[in-house]
Protein backbone atom coordinates (compact mmCIF):
# COMPACT_ATOMS: atom_id res chain seq x y z
CA UNK A 1 0.44 -0.22 -0.18
CA UNK A 2 1.56 3.52 -1.01
CA UNK A 3 0.59 6.60 0.67
CA UNK A 4 -1.73 7.81 -1.68
CA UNK A 5 -3.69 4.49 -1.19
CA UNK A 6 -3.29 5.34 2.30
CA UNK A 7 -4.45 8.84 2.28
CA UNK A 8 -7.29 8.09 -0.32
CA UNK A 9 -8.85 5.16 2.07
CA UNK A 10 -8.44 7.83 5.25
CA UNK A 11 -10.36 10.71 3.19
CA UNK A 12 -13.14 8.35 1.77
CA UNK A 13 -13.40 7.09 6.02
CA UNK A 14 -13.59 10.63 6.91
CA UNK A 15 -16.60 11.86 4.00
CA UNK A 16 -17.96 8.82 4.90
CA UNK A 17 -18.57 10.24 8.77
CA UNK A 18 -18.98 13.30 8.03
CA UNK A 19 -21.92 11.99 5.27
CA UNK A 20 -23.42 9.70 7.72
CA UNK A 21 -23.25 12.19 10.70
CA UNK A 22 -24.70 14.91 9.18
CA UNK A 23 -28.63 14.22 9.92
CA UNK A 24 -28.01 13.95 13.40
CA UNK A 25 -25.63 16.75 13.97
CA UNK A 26 -28.20 19.13 11.69
CA UNK A 27 -31.40 18.08 13.59
CA UNK A 28 -29.37 18.77 17.12
CA UNK A 29 -28.10 22.11 16.09
CA UNK A 30 -31.61 23.04 14.59
CA UNK A 31 -32.85 21.92 18.11
CA UNK A 32 -30.56 22.81 20.05
CA UNK A 33 -30.80 26.85 18.51
CA UNK A 34 -34.80 26.78 18.93
CA UNK A 35 -34.23 25.90 22.23
CA UNK A 36 -31.70 28.19 23.02
CA UNK A 37 -33.89 31.31 21.30
CA UNK A 38 -37.21 29.57 23.62
CA UNK A 39 -34.60 30.17 26.91
CA UNK A 40 -34.13 33.46 25.50
CA UNK A 41 -37.37 34.94 24.95
CA UNK A 42 -38.74 32.85 28.25
CA UNK A 43 -35.70 33.90 30.23
CA UNK A 44 -35.72 30.32 31.73
CA UNK A 45 -32.05 28.92 32.32
CA UNK A 46 -32.87 25.41 33.25
CA UNK A 47 -29.76 23.37 32.07
CA UNK A 48 -31.67 20.05 31.78
CA UNK A 49 -34.06 21.60 29.02
CA UNK A 50 -31.24 21.44 26.31
CA UNK A 51 -30.55 17.80 26.85
CA UNK A 52 -34.04 16.20 26.46
CA UNK A 53 -35.09 17.48 23.46
CA UNK A 54 -32.24 17.34 21.32
CA UNK A 55 -31.72 13.30 22.69
CA UNK A 56 -35.59 12.72 21.50
CA UNK A 57 -34.74 14.19 17.78
CA UNK A 58 -31.65 12.83 17.75
CA UNK A 59 -32.91 9.31 18.37
CA UNK A 60 -35.93 9.82 16.14
CA UNK A 61 -33.47 11.03 12.97
CA UNK A 62 -31.34 8.21 13.40
CA UNK A 63 -34.05 5.86 13.04
CA UNK A 64 -35.57 7.66 10.38
CA UNK A 65 -32.30 7.70 8.17
CA UNK A 66 -31.00 4.93 9.68
CA UNK A 67 -30.63 3.37 5.91
CA UNK A 68 -29.01 6.65 4.26
CA UNK A 69 -26.11 6.02 7.35
CA UNK A 70 -25.96 2.57 6.54
CA UNK A 71 -25.90 2.90 2.99
CA UNK A 72 -22.89 5.01 3.61
CA UNK A 73 -20.80 2.77 5.28
CA UNK A 74 -21.79 -0.20 3.37
CA UNK A 75 -20.23 1.46 0.54
CA UNK A 76 -17.36 2.38 2.10
CA UNK A 77 -16.93 -1.18 3.55
CA UNK A 78 -17.31 -2.62 -0.24
CA UNK A 79 -14.73 -0.43 -1.23
CA UNK A 80 -12.18 -1.39 1.01
CA UNK A 81 -12.79 -4.80 0.96
CA UNK A 82 -12.64 -4.44 -2.91
CA UNK A 83 -9.20 -3.16 -2.11
CA UNK A 84 -7.78 -5.40 -0.28
CA UNK A 85 -9.14 -8.30 -2.76
CA UNK A 86 -7.22 -6.77 -5.28
CA UNK A 87 -4.16 -6.11 -3.01
CA UNK A 88 -4.42 -2.19 -3.26
């Protein structure tokens, strides 16, 4: 395996992690901003108020986008195994 192959595999892995985690991170940011705005408007500064809605939203989005995430991870796995079978 050359340096170019290793860099390409690492780049593909990082890109796959970014794409697979994007729905959960995006919804966590949106829910966090909405709750922060609600807290600023009502002046309720409860620390635990931010965690429960974020956790629920992330679990719902993870359940709904599991096939999307799995497809990207499966494609990376096929690529890596294909390179191993071909000897890079």
